[in-house]
Protein backbone atom coordinates (compact mmCIF):
# COMPACT_ATOMS: atom_id res chain seq x y z
CA MET A 1 152.47 125.93 121.05
CA ALA A 2 150.24 128.70 122.36
CA SER A 3 150.46 132.03 124.14
CA GLN A 4 147.53 131.08 126.42
CA ARG A 5 144.29 129.11 126.25
CA ASN A 6 142.61 130.03 122.95
CA GLY A 7 145.44 132.49 122.30
CA THR A 8 147.97 132.78 119.53
CA LEU A 9 148.97 129.39 118.08
CA TYR A 10 152.23 128.27 116.51
CA VAL A 11 152.78 125.07 114.53
CA GLY A 12 156.29 123.86 113.82
CA VAL A 13 158.40 120.78 113.23
CA THR A 14 161.69 119.79 114.84
CA GLY A 15 163.94 116.82 115.36
CA ALA A 16 164.78 118.03 118.89
CA LEU A 17 161.55 118.81 120.75
CA ARG A 18 162.98 119.58 124.20
CA GLU A 19 165.61 121.94 122.85
CA ARG A 20 163.21 123.72 120.51
CA VAL A 21 160.53 124.21 123.15
CA TYR A 22 163.18 125.57 125.52
CA GLN A 23 164.26 128.08 122.87
CA HIS A 24 160.66 129.26 122.46
CA ARG A 25 159.98 129.38 126.21
CA GLU A 26 163.07 131.48 126.85
CA ALA A 27 162.49 133.69 123.77
CA LEU A 28 166.00 132.90 122.53
CA ILE A 29 165.08 133.19 118.85
CA ASP A 30 163.70 136.32 117.24
CA GLY A 31 160.53 135.81 115.29
CA PHE A 32 156.86 134.96 115.60
CA THR A 33 156.92 133.09 118.92
CA LYS A 34 159.01 135.74 120.64
CA GLN A 35 156.90 138.59 119.23
CA TYR A 36 153.59 137.03 120.32
CA GLY A 37 154.71 135.38 123.57
CA VAL A 38 154.05 131.84 122.38
CA LYS A 39 155.66 129.77 125.14
CA ILE A 40 153.23 127.03 126.20
CA LEU A 41 153.54 123.54 124.72
CA VAL A 42 149.93 122.39 124.36
CA HIS A 43 150.20 119.62 121.76
CA PHE A 44 152.87 117.52 120.10
CA GLU A 45 153.06 114.44 117.92
CA PHE A 46 155.95 112.10 117.13
CA PHE A 47 156.65 110.57 113.72
CA ALA A 48 158.97 107.86 112.44
CA SER A 49 160.54 110.13 109.84
CA MET A 50 161.06 113.82 109.14
CA PRO A 51 159.13 113.68 105.83
CA GLU A 52 156.10 112.35 107.73
CA ALA A 53 156.47 115.09 110.34
CA ILE A 54 156.74 117.82 107.70
CA ALA A 55 153.67 116.49 105.89
CA ARG A 56 151.70 116.59 109.15
CA GLU A 57 152.96 120.11 109.92
CA LYS A 58 151.70 121.31 106.54
CA GLN A 59 148.37 119.57 107.13
CA VAL A 60 147.90 121.19 110.54
CA LYS A 61 148.94 124.63 109.29
CA LYS A 62 146.18 124.44 106.66
CA MET A 63 143.51 123.56 109.24
CA LEU A 64 140.95 126.11 110.27
CA ARG A 65 141.66 127.61 113.69
CA LYS A 66 138.56 125.88 115.08
CA VAL A 67 139.92 122.48 114.03
CA LYS A 68 143.32 123.25 115.57
CA LEU A 69 141.62 124.14 118.86
CA GLU A 70 139.63 120.88 118.73
CA LEU A 71 142.86 118.93 118.11
CA ILE A 72 144.47 120.53 121.17
CA GLU A 73 141.43 120.03 123.39
CA ARG A 74 141.00 116.34 122.45
CA GLY A 75 144.39 115.54 123.95
CA ASN A 76 144.79 118.40 126.41
CA PRO A 77 141.38 119.75 127.49
CA GLN A 78 142.87 121.83 130.31
CA TRP A 79 145.53 123.37 128.04
CA ARG A 80 148.23 122.22 130.49
CA ASP A 81 151.78 123.17 129.60
CA LEU A 82 153.20 119.84 128.43
CA TRP A 83 156.77 121.07 128.88
CA LEU A 84 157.12 119.10 132.12
CA ASP A 85 155.94 115.93 130.36
CA ILE A 86 158.88 115.97 127.96
CA GLN A 87 161.61 116.63 130.56
């Protein structure tokens, strides 16, 4: 998730993508995303199991910012809010 194009980025894992994105968009949970206005879903990946998803989350969190931006732009070059795609 992002605050805007090339803005603040947030990486997380969930078993309920729609619900979690909604919580971030509506700032329902105190914390990083609420504090920095991170409300735009710009990239997501699905995995067969939670251990796989957690491993990928850790991998992405360790990436340099430049690599994270490249990952987003490969799949979403316009930085569209993908929220509507998961409805």
